[in-house]
Amino acid sequence: MTNIPIEQAMLAIQQSKLAIQQGLIKANPDQFNMVEKQLLAAQEAISEAKLKVSANEEQILNQANQSVEDAIVQLHESHRDSNLQQG
């Protein structure tokens, strides 16, 4: 299993959650786009890694992928709430 893409995926998850918590997504649409791209790249890295791992490692990657999906949902909800407040 290659650790670098997975480490980058986990970092993207952490960064997105921090950006959401700090309200950066609401304040800056460019930040939203950047975070969304990072999360989608993380999801792709996890999918690629799943093709090369054992069953035990695949379970860990499935959990990581669920974290990415949860972060994407949270990102979109935060962005949507921001748009509703502005409109």
PDB file of N, CA and C in Angstrom:
ATOM      1  N   MET A   1       0.853  -1.184   0.000  1.00  0.00           N
ATOM      2  CA  MET A   1       0.000   0.000   0.000  1.00  0.00           C
ATOM      3  C   MET A   1       0.887   1.232   0.000  1.00  0.00           C
ATOM      4  N   THR A   2       0.582   2.188  -0.840  1.00  0.00           N
ATOM      5  CA  THR A   2       1.345   3.427  -0.860  1.00  0.00           C
ATOM      6  C   THR A   2       0.769   4.385   0.160  1.00  0.00           C
ATOM      7  N   ASN A   3       1.605   4.835   1.068  1.00  0.00           N
ATOM      8  CA  ASN A   3       1.129   5.675   2.158  1.00  0.00           C
ATOM      9  C   ASN A   3       1.000   7.133   1.772  1.00  0.00           C
ATOM     10  N   ILE A   4       1.769   7.595   0.813  1.00  0.00           N
ATOM     11  CA  ILE A   4       1.757   9.023   0.499  1.00  0.00           C
ATOM     12  C   ILE A   4       0.376   9.496   0.041  1.00  0.00           C
ATOM     13  N   PRO A   5      -0.275   8.868  -0.930  1.00  0.00           N
ATOM     14  CA  PRO A   5      -1.601   9.358  -1.316  1.00  0.00           C
ATOM     15  C   PRO A   5      -2.613   9.283  -0.174  1.00  0.00           C
ATOM     16  N   ILE A   6      -2.539   8.240   0.633  1.00  0.00           N
ATOM     17  CA  ILE A   6      -3.482   8.097   1.734  1.00  0.00           C
ATOM     18  C   ILE A   6      -3.217   9.160   2.788  1.00  0.00           C
ATOM     19  N   GLU A   7      -1.953   9.424   3.059  1.00  0.00           N
ATOM     20  CA  GLU A   7      -1.625  10.489   4.010  1.00  0.00           C
ATOM     21  C   GLU A   7      -2.146  11.828   3.496  1.00  0.00           C
ATOM     22  N   GLN A   8      -2.013  12.061   2.206  1.00  0.00           N
ATOM     23  CA  GLN A   8      -2.532  13.298   1.620  1.00  0.00           C
ATOM     24  C   GLN A   8      -4.057  13.343   1.721  1.00  0.00           C
ATOM     25  N   ALA A   9      -4.699  12.212   1.540  1.00  0.00           N
ATOM     26  CA  ALA A   9      -6.156  12.152   1.658  1.00  0.00           C
ATOM     27  C   ALA A   9      -6.592  12.489   3.077  1.00  0.00           C
ATOM     28  N   MET A  10      -5.908  11.915   4.052  1.00  0.00           N
ATOM     29  CA  MET A  10      -6.266  12.184   5.441  1.00  0.00           C
ATOM     30  C   MET A  10      -6.007  13.648   5.795  1.00  0.00           C
ATOM     31  N   LEU A  11      -4.938  14.212   5.266  1.00  0.00           N
ATOM     32  CA  LEU A  11      -4.649  15.626   5.495  1.00  0.00           C
ATOM     33  C   LEU A  11      -5.739  16.499   4.880  1.00  0.00           C
ATOM     34  N   ALA A  12      -6.204  16.140   3.704  1.00  0.00           N
ATOM     35  CA  ALA A  12      -7.282  16.901   3.054  1.00  0.00           C
ATOM     36  C   ALA A  12      -8.550  16.871   3.902  1.00  0.00           C
ATOM     37  N   ILE A  13      -8.839  15.725   4.503  1.00  0.00           N
ATOM     38  CA  ILE A  13     -10.014  15.617   5.370  1.00  0.00           C
ATOM     39  C   ILE A  13      -9.866  16.550   6.564  1.00  0.00           C
ATOM     40  N   GLN A  14      -8.700  16.506   7.201  1.00  0.00           N
ATOM     41  CA  GLN A  14      -8.458  17.359   8.369  1.00  0.00           C
ATOM     42  C   GLN A  14      -8.541  18.834   8.005  1.00  0.00           C
ATOM     43  N   GLN A  15      -7.933  19.204   6.886  1.00  0.00           N
ATOM     44  CA  GLN A  15      -7.942  20.605   6.464  1.00  0.00           C
ATOM     45  C   GLN A  15      -9.358  21.077   6.143  1.00  0.00           C
ATOM     46  N   SER A  16     -10.146  20.218   5.523  1.00  0.00           N
ATOM     47  CA  SER A  16     -11.511  20.625   5.179  1.00  0.00           C
ATOM     48  C   SER A  16     -12.348  20.834   6.428  1.00  0.00           C
ATOM     49  N   LYS A  17     -12.207  19.934   7.383  1.00  0.00           N
ATOM     50  CA  LYS A  17     -12.971  20.083   8.623  1.00  0.00           C
ATOM     51  C   LYS A  17     -12.564  21.351   9.366  1.00  0.00           C
ATOM     52  N   LEU A  18     -11.281  21.662   9.360  1.00  0.00           N
ATOM     53  CA  LEU A  18     -10.802  22.882  10.006  1.00  0.00           C
ATOM     54  C   LEU A  18     -11.342  24.120   9.293  1.00  0.00           C
ATOM     55  N   ALA A  19     -11.320  24.110   7.976  1.00  0.00           N
ATOM     56  CA  ALA A  19     -11.829  25.252   7.206  1.00  0.00           C
ATOM     57  C   ALA A  19     -13.314  25.471   7.473  1.00  0.00           C
ATOM     58  N   ILE A  20     -14.060  24.388   7.583  1.00  0.00           N
ATOM     59  CA  ILE A  20     -15.493  24.492   7.867  1.00  0.00           C
ATOM     60  C   ILE A  20     -15.703  25.041   9.273  1.00  0.00           C
ATOM     61  N   GLN A  21     -14.964  24.505  10.241  1.00  0.00           N
ATOM     62  CA  GLN A  21     -15.106  24.956  11.626  1.00  0.00           C
ATOM     63  C   GLN A  21     -14.766  26.434  11.783  1.00  0.00           C
ATOM     64  N   GLN A  22     -13.762  26.891  11.055  1.00  0.00           N
ATOM     65  CA  GLN A  22     -13.327  28.280  11.173  1.00  0.00           C
ATOM     66  C   GLN A  22     -14.194  29.235  10.358  1.00  0.00           C
ATOM     67  N   GLY A  23     -15.143  28.699   9.620  1.00  0.00           N
ATOM     68  CA  GLY A  23     -16.030  29.541   8.839  1.00  0.00           C
ATOM     69  C   GLY A  23     -15.413  30.060   7.553  1.00  0.00           C
ATOM     70  N   LEU A  24     -14.277  29.501   7.155  1.00  0.00           N
ATOM     71  CA  LEU A  24     -13.608  29.973   5.942  1.00  0.00           C
ATOM     72  C   LEU A  24     -14.435  29.696   4.698  1.00  0.00           C
ATOM     73  N   ILE A  25     -15.207  28.625   4.722  1.00  0.00           N
ATOM     74  CA  ILE A  25     -16.023  28.259   3.566  1.00  0.00           C
ATOM     75  C   ILE A  25     -17.095  29.318   3.341  1.00  0.00           C
ATOM     76  N   LYS A  26     -17.669  29.806   4.423  1.00  0.00           N
ATOM     77  CA  LYS A  26     -18.723  30.808   4.309  1.00  0.00           C
ATOM     78  C   LYS A  26     -18.171  32.146   3.853  1.00  0.00           C
ATOM     79  N   ALA A  27     -16.941  32.447   4.234  1.00  0.00           N
ATOM     80  CA  ALA A  27     -16.364  33.754   3.943  1.00  0.00           C
ATOM     81  C   ALA A  27     -15.746  33.841   2.554  1.00  0.00           C
ATOM     82  N   ASN A  28     -15.361  32.705   1.988  1.00  0.00           N
ATOM     83  CA  ASN A  28     -14.584  32.750   0.756  1.00  0.00           C
ATOM     84  C   ASN A  28     -14.993  31.614  -0.193  1.00  0.00           C
ATOM     85  N   PRO A  29     -15.678  31.952  -1.282  1.00  0.00           N
ATOM     86  CA  PRO A  29     -16.084  30.910  -2.243  1.00  0.00           C
ATOM     87  C   PRO A  29     -14.889  30.177  -2.863  1.00  0.00           C
ATOM     88  N   ASP A  30     -13.768  30.865  -3.026  1.00  0.00           N
ATOM     89  CA  ASP A  30     -12.579  30.205  -3.572  1.00  0.00           C
ATOM     90  C   ASP A  30     -12.084  29.120  -2.625  1.00  0.00           C
ATOM     91  N   GLN A  31     -12.213  29.375  -1.336  1.00  0.00           N
ATOM     92  CA  GLN A  31     -11.821  28.382  -0.333  1.00  0.00           C
ATOM     93  C   GLN A  31     -12.694  27.137  -0.468  1.00  0.00           C
ATOM     94  N   PHE A  32     -13.978  27.341  -0.697  1.00  0.00           N
ATOM     95  CA  PHE A  32     -14.893  26.213  -0.905  1.00  0.00           C
ATOM     96  C   PHE A  32     -14.420  25.369  -2.084  1.00  0.00           C
ATOM     97  N   ASN A  33     -14.121  26.016  -3.201  1.00  0.00           N
ATOM     98  CA  ASN A  33     -13.690  25.291  -4.401  1.00  0.00           C
ATOM     99  C   ASN A  33     -12.400  24.526  -4.153  1.00  0.00           C
ATOM    100  N   MET A  34     -11.455  25.148  -3.454  1.00  0.00           N
ATOM    101  CA  MET A  34     -10.180  24.498  -3.180  1.00  0.00           C
ATOM    102  C   MET A  34     -10.379  23.271  -2.286  1.00  0.00           C
ATOM    103  N   VAL A  35     -11.168  23.431  -1.238  1.00  0.00           N
ATOM    104  CA  VAL A  35     -11.404  22.321  -0.320  1.00  0.00           C
ATOM    105  C   VAL A  35     -12.142  21.189  -1.028  1.00  0.00           C
ATOM    106  N   GLU A  36     -13.122  21.534  -1.845  1.00  0.00           N
ATOM    107  CA  GLU A  36     -13.855  20.503  -2.577  1.00  0.00           C
ATOM    108  C   GLU A  36     -12.915  19.728  -3.503  1.00  0.00           C
ATOM    109  N   LYS A  37     -12.031  20.419  -4.201  1.00  0.00           N
ATOM    110  CA  LYS A  37     -11.070  19.740  -5.083  1.00  0.00           C
ATOM    111  C   LYS A  37     -10.160  18.814  -4.289  1.00  0.00           C
ATOM    112  N   GLN A  38      -9.707  19.275  -3.111  1.00  0.00           N
ATOM    113  CA  GLN A  38      -8.846  18.436  -2.274  1.00  0.00           C
ATOM    114  C   GLN A  38      -9.573  17.169  -1.840  1.00  0.00           C
ATOM    115  N   LEU A  39     -10.823  17.314  -1.461  1.00  0.00           N
ATOM    116  CA  LEU A  39     -11.584  16.151  -1.011  1.00  0.00           C
ATOM    117  C   LEU A  39     -11.850  15.176  -2.152  1.00  0.00           C
ATOM    118  N   LEU A  40     -12.145  15.686  -3.322  1.00  0.00           N
ATOM    119  CA  LEU A  40     -12.361  14.803  -4.474  1.00  0.00           C
ATOM    120  C   LEU A  40     -11.066  14.086  -4.854  1.00  0.00           C
ATOM    121  N   ALA A  41      -9.937  14.784  -4.752  1.00  0.00           N
ATOM    122  CA  ALA A  41      -8.640  14.152  -5.010  1.00  0.00           C
ATOM    123  C   ALA A  41      -8.355  13.086  -3.956  1.00  0.00           C
ATOM    124  N   ALA A  42      -8.727  13.363  -2.723  1.00  0.00           N
ATOM    125  CA  ALA A  42      -8.542  12.388  -1.651  1.00  0.00           C
ATOM    126  C   ALA A  42      -9.370  11.140  -1.927  1.00  0.00           C
ATOM    127  N   GLN A  43     -10.588  11.342  -2.358  1.00  0.00           N
ATOM    128  CA  GLN A  43     -11.468  10.219  -2.673  1.00  0.00           C
ATOM    129  C   GLN A  43     -10.874   9.377  -3.807  1.00  0.00           C
ATOM    130  N   GLU A  44     -10.316  10.037  -4.797  1.00  0.00           N
ATOM    131  CA  GLU A  44      -9.695   9.325  -5.917  1.00  0.00           C
ATOM    132  C   GLU A  44      -8.472   8.540  -5.454  1.00  0.00           C
ATOM    133  N   ALA A  45      -7.655   9.144  -4.589  1.00  0.00           N
ATOM    134  CA  ALA A  45      -6.464   8.464  -4.076  1.00  0.00           C
ATOM    135  C   ALA A  45      -6.852   7.220  -3.287  1.00  0.00           C
ATOM    136  N   ILE A  46      -7.904   7.330  -2.503  1.00  0.00           N
ATOM    137  CA  ILE A  46      -8.371   6.187  -1.725  1.00  0.00           C
ATOM    138  C   ILE A  46      -8.872   5.083  -2.656  1.00  0.00           C
ATOM    139  N   SER A  47      -9.617   5.448  -3.679  1.00  0.00           N
ATOM    140  CA  SER A  47     -10.128   4.455  -4.632  1.00  0.00           C
ATOM    141  C   SER A  47      -8.991   3.730  -5.333  1.00  0.00           C
ATOM    142  N   GLU A  48      -7.962   4.471  -5.729  1.00  0.00           N
ATOM    143  CA  GLU A  48      -6.813   3.855  -6.388  1.00  0.00           C
ATOM    144  C   GLU A  48      -6.068   2.933  -5.431  1.00  0.00           C
ATOM    145  N   ALA A  49      -5.917   3.357  -4.193  1.00  0.00           N
ATOM    146  CA  ALA A  49      -5.198   2.549  -3.214  1.00  0.00           C
ATOM    147  C   ALA A  49      -5.948   1.253  -2.910  1.00  0.00           C
ATOM    148  N   LYS A  50      -7.278   1.306  -2.940  1.00  0.00           N
ATOM    149  CA  LYS A  50      -8.078   0.116  -2.644  1.00  0.00           C
ATOM    150  C   LYS A  50      -7.821  -1.006  -3.643  1.00  0.00           C
ATOM    151  N   LEU A  51      -7.375  -0.660  -4.826  1.00  0.00           N
ATOM    152  CA  LEU A  51      -7.106  -1.674  -5.848  1.00  0.00           C
ATOM    153  C   LEU A  51      -5.840  -2.469  -5.551  1.00  0.00           C
ATOM    154  N   LYS A  52      -5.014  -1.965  -4.626  1.00  0.00           N
ATOM    155  CA  LYS A  52      -3.691  -2.544  -4.411  1.00  0.00           C
ATOM    156  C   LYS A  52      -3.484  -3.096  -3.003  1.00  0.00           C
ATOM    157  N   VAL A  53      -4.533  -3.268  -2.230  1.00  0.00           N
ATOM    158  CA  VAL A  53      -4.340  -3.601  -0.823  1.00  0.00           C
ATOM    159  C   VAL A  53      -5.010  -4.910  -0.431  1.00  0.00           C
ATOM    160  N   SER A  54      -4.674  -5.349   0.774  1.00  0.00           N
ATOM    161  CA  SER A  54      -5.297  -6.546   1.340  1.00  0.00           C
ATOM    162  C   SER A  54      -6.681  -6.200   1.878  1.00  0.00           C
ATOM    163  N   ALA A  55      -7.402  -7.217   2.302  1.00  0.00           N
ATOM    164  CA  ALA A  55      -8.759  -7.014   2.823  1.00  0.00           C
ATOM    165  C   ALA A  55      -8.750  -6.144   4.077  1.00  0.00           C
ATOM    166  N   ASN A  56      -7.772  -6.347   4.960  1.00  0.00           N
ATOM    167  CA  ASN A  56      -7.698  -5.538   6.182  1.00  0.00           C
ATOM    168  C   ASN A  56      -7.443  -4.074   5.849  1.00  0.00           C
ATOM    169  N   GLU A  57      -6.528  -3.846   4.931  1.00  0.00           N
ATOM    170  CA  GLU A  57      -6.227  -2.472   4.534  1.00  0.00           C
ATOM    171  C   GLU A  57      -7.415  -1.852   3.806  1.00  0.00           C
ATOM    172  N   GLU A  58      -8.135  -2.659   3.061  1.00  0.00           N
ATOM    173  CA  GLU A  58      -9.302  -2.142   2.345  1.00  0.00           C
ATOM    174  C   GLU A  58     -10.361  -1.635   3.323  1.00  0.00           C
ATOM    175  N   GLN A  59     -10.517  -2.314   4.443  1.00  0.00           N
ATOM    176  CA  GLN A  59     -11.480  -1.864   5.453  1.00  0.00           C
ATOM    177  C   GLN A  59     -11.089  -0.482   5.980  1.00  0.00           C
ATOM    178  N   ILE A  60      -9.813  -0.270   6.216  1.00  0.00           N
ATOM    179  CA  ILE A  60      -9.332   1.037   6.675  1.00  0.00           C
ATOM    180  C   ILE A  60      -9.595   2.093   5.612  1.00  0.00           C
ATOM    181  N   LEU A  61      -9.349   1.742   4.361  1.00  0.00           N
ATOM    182  CA  LEU A  61      -9.593   2.685   3.274  1.00  0.00           C
ATOM    183  C   LEU A  61     -11.083   2.984   3.117  1.00  0.00           C
ATOM    184  N   ASN A  62     -11.926   1.999   3.345  1.00  0.00           N
ATOM    185  CA  ASN A  62     -13.372   2.241   3.301  1.00  0.00           C
ATOM    186  C   ASN A  62     -13.783   3.237   4.377  1.00  0.00           C
ATOM    187  N   GLN A  63     -13.181   3.114   5.554  1.00  0.00           N
ATOM    188  CA  GLN A  63     -13.467   4.064   6.629  1.00  0.00           C
ATOM    189  C   GLN A  63     -12.975   5.459   6.253  1.00  0.00           C
ATOM    190  N   ALA A  64     -11.790   5.526   5.653  1.00  0.00           N
ATOM    191  CA  ALA A  64     -11.257   6.818   5.215  1.00  0.00           C
ATOM    192  C   ALA A  64     -12.155   7.423   4.146  1.00  0.00           C
ATOM    193  N   ASN A  65     -12.621   6.595   3.232  1.00  0.00           N
ATOM    194  CA  ASN A  65     -13.513   7.076   2.177  1.00  0.00           C
ATOM    195  C   ASN A  65     -14.817   7.606   2.769  1.00  0.00           C
ATOM    196  N   GLN A  66     -15.330   6.944   3.788  1.00  0.00           N
ATOM    197  CA  GLN A  66     -16.544   7.422   4.451  1.00  0.00           C
ATOM    198  C   GLN A  66     -16.287   8.778   5.103  1.00  0.00           C
ATOM    199  N   SER A  67     -15.096   8.960   5.662  1.00  0.00           N
ATOM    200  CA  SER A  67     -14.739  10.256   6.252  1.00  0.00           C
ATOM    201  C   SER A  67     -14.706  11.343   5.193  1.00  0.00           C
ATOM    202  N   VAL A  68     -14.185  11.009   4.018  1.00  0.00           N
ATOM    203  CA  VAL A  68     -14.159  11.976   2.917  1.00  0.00           C
ATOM    204  C   VAL A  68     -15.586  12.323   2.505  1.00  0.00           C
ATOM    205  N   GLU A  69     -16.424  11.312   2.347  1.00  0.00           N
ATOM    206  CA  GLU A  69     -17.813  11.563   1.954  1.00  0.00           C
ATOM    207  C   GLU A  69     -18.536  12.423   2.991  1.00  0.00           C
ATOM    208  N   ASP A  70     -18.304  12.138   4.261  1.00  0.00           N
ATOM    209  CA  ASP A  70     -18.913  12.948   5.325  1.00  0.00           C
ATOM    210  C   ASP A  70     -18.426  14.392   5.260  1.00  0.00           C
ATOM    211  N   ALA A  71     -17.131  14.565   5.003  1.00  0.00           N
ATOM    212  CA  ALA A  71     -16.569  15.915   4.908  1.00  0.00           C
ATOM    213  C   ALA A  71     -17.148  16.664   3.709  1.00  0.00           C
ATOM    214  N   ILE A  72     -17.346  15.970   2.594  1.00  0.00           N
ATOM    215  CA  ILE A  72     -17.937  16.606   1.410  1.00  0.00           C
ATOM    216  C   ILE A  72     -19.368  17.055   1.714  1.00  0.00           C
ATOM    217  N   VAL A  73     -20.132  16.211   2.375  1.00  0.00           N
ATOM    218  CA  VAL A  73     -21.503  16.579   2.746  1.00  0.00           C
ATOM    219  C   VAL A  73     -21.486  17.794   3.666  1.00  0.00           C
ATOM    220  N   GLN A  74     -20.614  17.768   4.664  1.00  0.00           N
ATOM    221  CA  GLN A  74     -20.516  18.891   5.598  1.00  0.00           C
ATOM    222  C   GLN A  74     -20.091  20.165   4.871  1.00  0.00           C
ATOM    223  N   LEU A  75     -19.172  20.030   3.935  1.00  0.00           N
ATOM    224  CA  LEU A  75     -18.711  21.168   3.146  1.00  0.00           C
ATOM    225  C   LEU A  75     -19.868  21.782   2.368  1.00  0.00           C
ATOM    226  N   HIS A  76     -20.638  20.950   1.689  1.00  0.00           N
ATOM    227  CA  HIS A  76     -21.755  21.448   0.892  1.00  0.00           C
ATOM    228  C   HIS A  76     -22.859  22.038   1.765  1.00  0.00           C
ATOM    229  N   GLU A  77     -23.107  21.432   2.913  1.00  0.00           N
ATOM    230  CA  GLU A  77     -24.116  21.984   3.819  1.00  0.00           C
ATOM    231  C   GLU A  77     -23.689  23.351   4.331  1.00  0.00           C
ATOM    232  N   SER A  78     -22.424  23.476   4.669  1.00  0.00           N
ATOM    233  CA  SER A  78     -21.902  24.753   5.156  1.00  0.00           C
ATOM    234  C   SER A  78     -21.991  25.817   4.071  1.00  0.00           C
ATOM    235  N   HIS A  79     -21.654  25.442   2.857  1.00  0.00           N
ATOM    236  CA  HIS A  79     -21.700  26.377   1.730  1.00  0.00           C
ATOM    237  C   HIS A  79     -23.145  26.766   1.415  1.00  0.00           C
ATOM    238  N   ARG A  80     -24.042  25.793   1.445  1.00  0.00           N
ATOM    239  CA  ARG A  80     -25.455  26.060   1.184  1.00  0.00           C
ATOM    240  C   ARG A  80     -26.024  26.992   2.251  1.00  0.00           C
ATOM    241  N   ASP A  81     -25.701  26.736   3.511  1.00  0.00           N
ATOM    242  CA  ASP A  81     -26.174  27.597   4.598  1.00  0.00           C
ATOM    243  C   ASP A  81     -25.666  29.016   4.421  1.00  0.00           C
ATOM    244  N   SER A  82     -24.439  29.150   3.965  1.00  0.00           N
ATOM    245  CA  SER A  82     -23.856  30.470   3.720  1.00  0.00           C
ATOM    246  C   SER A  82     -24.614  31.195   2.617  1.00  0.00           C
ATOM    247  N   ASN A  83     -24.937  30.475   1.554  1.00  0.00           N
ATOM    248  CA  ASN A  83     -25.680  31.077   0.442  1.00  0.00           C
ATOM    249  C   ASN A  83     -27.087  31.486   0.869  1.00  0.00           C
ATOM    250  N   LEU A  84     -27.716  30.700   1.729  1.00  0.00           N
ATOM    251  CA  LEU A  84     -29.057  31.038   2.210  1.00  0.00           C
ATOM    252  C   LEU A  84     -29.027  32.301   3.069  1.00  0.00           C
ATOM    253  N   GLN A  85     -27.977  32.451   3.872  1.00  0.00           N
ATOM    254  CA  GLN A  85     -27.856  33.632   4.721  1.00  0.00           C
ATOM    255  C   GLN A  85     -27.599  34.883   3.894  1.00  0.00           C
ATOM    256  N   GLN A  86     -26.859  34.736   2.800  1.00  0.00           N
ATOM    257  CA  GLN A  86     -26.541  35.886   1.955  1.00  0.00           C
ATOM    258  C   GLN A  86     -27.730  36.288   1.095  1.00  0.00           C
ATOM    259  N   GLY A  87     -28.568  35.322   0.732  1.00  0.00           N
ATOM    260  CA  GLY A  87     -29.682  35.572  -0.178  1.00  0.00           C
ATOM    261  C   GLY A  87     -30.881  35.948   0.563  1.00  0.00           C
TER     262      GLY A  87
END
